[in-house]
Amino acid sequence: MTNPLDDNSVRTALKDSDYGRVLRMIENGAFNEATILTPAYSRVIDDILGEQDARLAAGTSLAVCIIRTTKLLEDVANRDDLDEDVKKLAVLHLQKRIRQFALHLLPLDFVDIANRAVKNVEGSDNEEPRPIRPLRRKAAIIDRTRIAPCRRCGREGHQFRKCPDYVCCICDELGPDHLSIHCPRLDGRIVLQEFRDDEKFFEALVDWEHNHKTLADLELRYPAELSPVPETPASFSASTSLTPSPPTPTMEDPR
């Protein structure tokens, strides 16, 4: 094994090489990073970039955002007080943000380079076979034309509003199209407001019918007694006088 310093190639002194420039670039990079990551300096940097020409300052601003997001990503990855699932989601979010910043740094004509790359690969004779995508399963089709079973009798073919076994809890009429809340004996009084949700309306109707039957049974079991009607005193007639009448004279009364 030969040492590259032993050959007869042209040698350049370290002081005459680009080593000093490389060192200065590294030092400047460390200084720039520290300045960008310091909140007080970072706000001033944003103000200075905001006053410059957009064509020149846009790329610099994106690079600054990438540096900040990368530091934030490192801080999240090194935290021990976060749950693993939360940390994973935060890291993925920050990585996606960095990619978006980097994509904005690409020149506008990069789409032409991407199109050329695609055409070269697509038109290649030695193209590797593409993996076959699995067929997507069709979503289950719900037959909405089928009527659900009746909630009152359990049979199919009708809803609870038209159940033939329905019995009105007010007049005991049997048959469909006669809900208890529409009974003629209510004289048009609205005892329960209907609404579109059949399931909730059926539950409300059952509760109301149960309460109505319970009150009717209580009235039959404990009928309310009529309070006695007080007798009205007889009014004095016109011929009745409060002054006593004179005594009737008798045979024994001497005159």
Protein backbone atom coordinates (compact mmCIF):
# COMPACT_ATOMS: atom_id res chain seq x y z
CA MET A 1 0.00 0.00 0.00
CA THR A 2 1.49 3.28 -1.08
CA ASN A 3 1.15 6.60 0.66
CA PRO A 4 -0.33 9.30 -1.60
CA LEU A 5 2.31 11.69 -0.24
CA ASP A 6 5.13 9.58 -1.71
CA ASP A 7 4.13 10.05 -5.33
CA ASN A 8 5.46 12.72 -7.58
CA SER A 9 2.15 14.62 -7.87
CA VAL A 10 1.98 18.35 -7.49
CA ARG A 11 1.88 19.35 -3.85
CA THR A 12 0.15 22.40 -2.48
CA ALA A 13 0.92 23.97 0.84
CA LEU A 14 -1.87 24.07 3.38
CA LYS A 15 -1.67 27.83 3.57
CA ASP A 16 -2.16 28.05 -0.19
CA SER A 17 -5.08 25.60 -0.32
CA ASP A 18 -8.79 26.14 0.22
CA TYR A 19 -8.56 24.68 3.72
CA GLY A 20 -8.84 28.11 5.32
CA ARG A 21 -11.91 28.92 3.25
CA VAL A 22 -13.48 25.63 4.30
CA LEU A 23 -12.80 26.41 7.95
CA ARG A 24 -14.31 29.86 7.56
CA MET A 25 -17.40 28.32 5.95
CA ILE A 26 -17.79 25.87 8.85
CA GLU A 27 -17.40 28.67 11.40
CA ASN A 28 -19.82 30.88 9.55
CA GLY A 29 -22.30 28.00 9.34
CA ALA A 30 -22.14 27.42 13.10
CA PHE A 31 -22.57 31.14 13.76
CA ASN A 32 -25.49 31.38 11.32
CA GLU A 33 -27.20 28.37 12.88
CA ALA A 34 -26.83 29.77 16.41
CA THR A 35 -28.21 33.12 15.29
CA ILE A 36 -31.19 31.55 13.50
CA LEU A 37 -32.06 29.36 16.50
CA THR A 38 -31.93 32.27 18.96
CA PRO A 39 -35.50 33.68 19.19
CA ALA A 40 -34.45 37.33 19.62
CA TYR A 41 -32.10 37.25 16.62
CA SER A 42 -34.47 35.11 14.58
CA ARG A 43 -37.25 37.70 14.67
CA VAL A 44 -34.87 40.39 13.45
CA ILE A 45 -33.71 38.09 10.63
CA ASP A 46 -37.34 37.69 9.52
CA ASP A 47 -37.81 41.46 9.51
CA ILE A 48 -34.66 42.00 7.42
CA LEU A 49 -35.65 39.31 4.91
CA GLY A 50 -39.17 40.73 4.70
CA GLU A 51 -37.78 44.03 3.41
CA GLN A 52 -35.61 42.47 0.68
CA ASP A 53 -36.53 41.52 -2.85
CA ALA A 54 -38.84 38.51 -2.85
CA ARG A 55 -36.92 36.78 -5.66
CA LEU A 56 -33.73 36.85 -3.63
CA ALA A 57 -35.05 36.50 -0.09
CA ALA A 58 -37.56 33.65 -0.71
CA GLY A 59 -34.90 30.93 -0.96
CA THR A 60 -33.05 32.26 2.09
CA SER A 61 -36.26 32.39 4.10
CA LEU A 62 -37.07 28.76 3.21
CA ALA A 63 -33.57 27.68 4.26
CA VAL A 64 -34.04 29.45 7.59
CA CYS A 65 -37.37 27.67 8.09
CA ILE A 66 -35.75 24.30 7.34
CA ILE A 67 -33.04 24.94 9.96
CA ARG A 68 -35.61 25.89 12.59
CA THR A 69 -37.84 22.88 11.85
CA THR A 70 -34.86 20.50 11.93
CA LYS A 71 -33.90 21.80 15.38
CA LEU A 72 -37.48 21.38 16.55
CA LEU A 73 -37.46 17.83 15.20
CA GLU A 74 -34.31 17.05 17.18
CA ASP A 75 -35.86 18.49 20.36
CA VAL A 76 -39.00 16.39 19.99
CA ALA A 77 -37.02 13.21 19.31
CA ASN A 78 -34.90 13.75 22.44
CA ARG A 79 -37.81 14.40 24.82
CA ASP A 80 -38.55 11.69 27.37
CA ASP A 81 -41.78 13.11 28.79
CA LEU A 82 -43.80 12.46 25.63
CA ASP A 83 -45.74 9.32 24.87
CA GLU A 84 -44.25 7.24 22.07
CA ASP A 85 -47.31 7.56 19.85
CA VAL A 86 -47.42 11.33 20.35
CA LYS A 87 -43.71 11.62 19.65
CA LYS A 88 -44.06 9.56 16.47
CA LEU A 89 -46.86 11.76 15.15
CA ALA A 90 -44.89 14.92 15.95
CA VAL A 91 -41.79 13.62 14.19
CA LEU A 92 -43.78 12.65 11.08
CA HIS A 93 -45.43 16.07 11.01
CA LEU A 94 -42.11 17.90 11.23
CA GLN A 95 -40.52 15.69 8.58
CA LYS A 96 -43.40 16.46 6.23
CA ARG A 97 -42.92 20.19 6.86
CA ILE A 98 -39.22 19.95 6.02
CA ARG A 99 -39.99 18.18 2.74
CA GLN A 100 -42.46 20.91 1.82
CA PHE A 101 -39.87 23.61 2.47
CA ALA A 102 -37.29 21.72 0.41
CA LEU A 103 -39.73 21.29 -2.50
CA HIS A 104 -40.21 25.06 -2.63
CA LEU A 105 -36.44 25.47 -3.03
CA LEU A 106 -36.49 23.57 -6.33
CA PRO A 107 -36.36 25.77 -9.45
CA LEU A 108 -39.51 26.28 -11.44
CA ASP A 109 -38.15 24.27 -14.39
CA PHE A 110 -37.49 21.20 -12.24
CA VAL A 111 -40.78 19.78 -13.50
CA ASP A 112 -39.10 19.42 -16.90
CA ILE A 113 -36.32 17.34 -15.34
CA ALA A 114 -38.91 15.18 -13.59
CA ASN A 115 -40.81 14.64 -16.87
CA ARG A 116 -37.59 13.62 -18.66
CA ALA A 117 -36.80 11.13 -15.91
CA VAL A 118 -40.27 9.61 -16.18
CA LYS A 119 -40.08 9.35 -19.97
CA ASN A 120 -36.64 7.74 -19.83
CA VAL A 121 -37.84 5.11 -17.40
CA GLU A 122 -41.13 4.50 -19.19
CA GLY A 123 -39.49 4.21 -22.60
CA SER A 124 -36.69 1.89 -21.45
CA ASP A 125 -36.69 -1.60 -23.00
CA ASN A 126 -35.22 -3.11 -19.88
CA GLU A 127 -37.99 -1.87 -17.73
CA GLU A 128 -38.69 -4.01 -14.74
CA PRO A 129 -42.26 -5.29 -14.45
CA ARG A 130 -44.38 -3.10 -12.28
CA PRO A 131 -46.04 -4.64 -9.26
CA ILE A 132 -49.68 -5.42 -9.87
CA ARG A 133 -51.95 -3.48 -7.63
CA PRO A 134 -54.52 -5.55 -5.81
CA LEU A 135 -58.07 -5.05 -6.94
CA ARG A 136 -60.09 -2.78 -4.75
CA ARG A 137 -62.96 -4.42 -3.05
CA LYS A 138 -66.29 -2.95 -3.87
CA ALA A 139 -68.13 -1.43 -0.99
CA ALA A 140 -71.17 -3.28 0.17
CA ILE A 141 -74.33 -1.99 -1.46
CA ILE A 142 -77.09 -1.24 0.99
CA ASP A 143 -80.55 -2.06 -0.28
CA ARG A 144 -82.48 0.96 0.88
CA THR A 145 -85.65 -0.21 -0.86
CA ARG A 146 -86.12 -2.98 1.68
CA ILE A 147 -88.46 -2.02 4.50
CA ALA A 148 -87.30 -2.73 8.01
CA PRO A 149 -89.52 -4.91 10.22
CA CYS A 150 -92.32 -3.28 12.14
CA ARG A 151 -91.21 -2.13 15.58
CA ARG A 152 -94.56 -3.04 17.14
CA CYS A 153 -95.29 -6.57 15.83
CA GLY A 154 -91.90 -7.51 14.35
CA ARG A 155 -93.29 -8.55 10.95
CA GLU A 156 -92.02 -7.22 7.64
CA GLY A 157 -93.92 -5.40 4.96
CA HIS A 158 -95.16 -2.41 6.95
CA GLN A 159 -94.08 0.19 9.48
CA PHE A 160 -95.42 0.71 12.98
CA ARG A 161 -97.61 3.58 11.78
CA LYS A 162 -99.59 1.13 9.62
CA CYS A 163 -99.41 -1.93 11.83
CA PRO A 164 -102.66 -3.98 11.58
CA ASP A 165 -102.26 -5.14 15.18
CA TYR A 166 -102.06 -1.63 16.59
CA VAL A 167 -104.63 -0.87 19.31
CA CYS A 168 -105.45 2.70 20.31
CA CYS A 169 -104.92 3.19 24.03
CA ILE A 170 -107.76 5.73 24.19
CA CYS A 171 -110.66 4.21 22.25
CA ASP A 172 -109.33 0.62 21.79
CA GLU A 173 -109.80 0.82 18.02
CA LEU A 174 -107.86 -1.84 16.10
CA GLY A 175 -106.19 -1.26 12.79
CA PRO A 176 -103.66 0.91 10.97
CA ASP A 177 -103.72 4.65 10.38
CA HIS A 178 -105.03 5.33 13.87
CA LEU A 179 -102.29 6.32 16.29
CA SER A 180 -103.34 7.11 19.83
CA ILE A 181 -102.09 10.69 19.56
CA HIS A 182 -104.51 11.18 16.60
CA CYS A 183 -107.54 9.66 18.30
CA PRO A 184 -110.75 11.65 17.66
CA ARG A 185 -111.52 11.57 21.38
CA LEU A 186 -108.68 14.01 21.95
CA ASP A 187 -110.71 16.65 20.10
CA GLY A 188 -107.69 17.80 18.10
CA ARG A 189 -105.44 18.37 21.12
CA ILE A 190 -101.71 17.89 20.35
CA VAL A 191 -100.36 15.59 23.05
CA LEU A 192 -97.12 14.59 21.27
CA GLN A 193 -95.25 16.37 18.50
CA GLU A 194 -94.20 14.12 15.62
CA PHE A 195 -90.67 14.27 14.17
CA ARG A 196 -88.83 12.67 11.25
CA ASP A 197 -86.73 10.15 13.13
CA ASP A 198 -89.05 7.12 13.24
CA GLU A 199 -87.00 5.34 15.89
CA LYS A 200 -87.07 8.24 18.34
CA PHE A 201 -90.71 8.99 17.54
CA PHE A 202 -91.69 5.36 18.21
CA GLU A 203 -89.91 5.45 21.57
CA ALA A 204 -91.65 8.73 22.49
CA LEU A 205 -95.01 7.31 21.39
CA VAL A 206 -94.57 4.17 23.50
CA ASP A 207 -93.64 6.28 26.54
CA TRP A 208 -96.65 8.53 26.10
CA GLU A 209 -99.04 5.56 25.70
CA HIS A 210 -97.56 3.91 28.79
CA ASN A 211 -98.04 7.08 30.83
CA HIS A 212 -101.59 7.50 29.53
CA LYS A 213 -102.55 3.92 30.46
CA THR A 214 -101.01 4.34 33.92
CA LEU A 215 -103.02 7.50 34.59
CA ALA A 216 -106.21 5.85 33.32
CA ASP A 217 -105.68 2.85 35.64
CA LEU A 218 -105.12 5.18 38.60
CA GLU A 219 -108.32 7.05 37.84
CA LEU A 220 -110.27 3.77 37.71
CA ARG A 221 -108.68 2.45 40.90
CA TYR A 222 -108.94 5.65 42.90
CA PRO A 223 -111.89 7.64 41.52
CA ALA A 224 -112.03 11.21 42.69
CA GLU A 225 -114.95 11.76 45.15
CA LEU A 226 -117.25 14.65 44.41
CA SER A 227 -117.17 17.32 47.06
CA PRO A 228 -120.59 17.87 48.78
CA VAL A 229 -122.54 20.82 47.43
CA PRO A 230 -123.47 23.22 50.23
CA GLU A 231 -127.20 23.89 50.61
CA THR A 232 -128.20 27.37 49.67
CA PRO A 233 -130.30 29.08 52.36
CA ALA A 234 -133.92 29.81 51.41
CA SER A 235 -134.49 33.42 50.56
CA PHE A 236 -137.07 35.40 52.46
CA SER A 237 -140.31 36.00 50.60
CA ALA A 238 -141.86 39.41 50.24
CA SER A 239 -144.70 38.49 52.59
CA THR A 240 -142.33 37.39 55.35
CA SER A 241 -141.67 40.13 57.86
CA LEU A 242 -139.26 40.23 60.69
CA THR A 243 -141.72 42.11 62.93
CA PRO A 244 -143.87 39.80 65.09
CA SER A 245 -147.59 39.73 64.35
CA PRO A 246 -149.98 40.88 67.09
CA PRO A 247 -151.54 38.10 69.21
CA THR A 248 -154.95 36.83 68.22
CA PRO A 249 -157.65 37.74 70.77
CA THR A 250 -159.38 34.84 72.57
CA MET A 251 -162.66 34.38 74.49
CA GLU A 252 -160.86 34.57 77.83
CA ASP A 253 -159.27 37.88 77.06
CA PRO A 254 -161.46 40.59 78.77
CA ARG A 255 -161.85 43.85 76.97
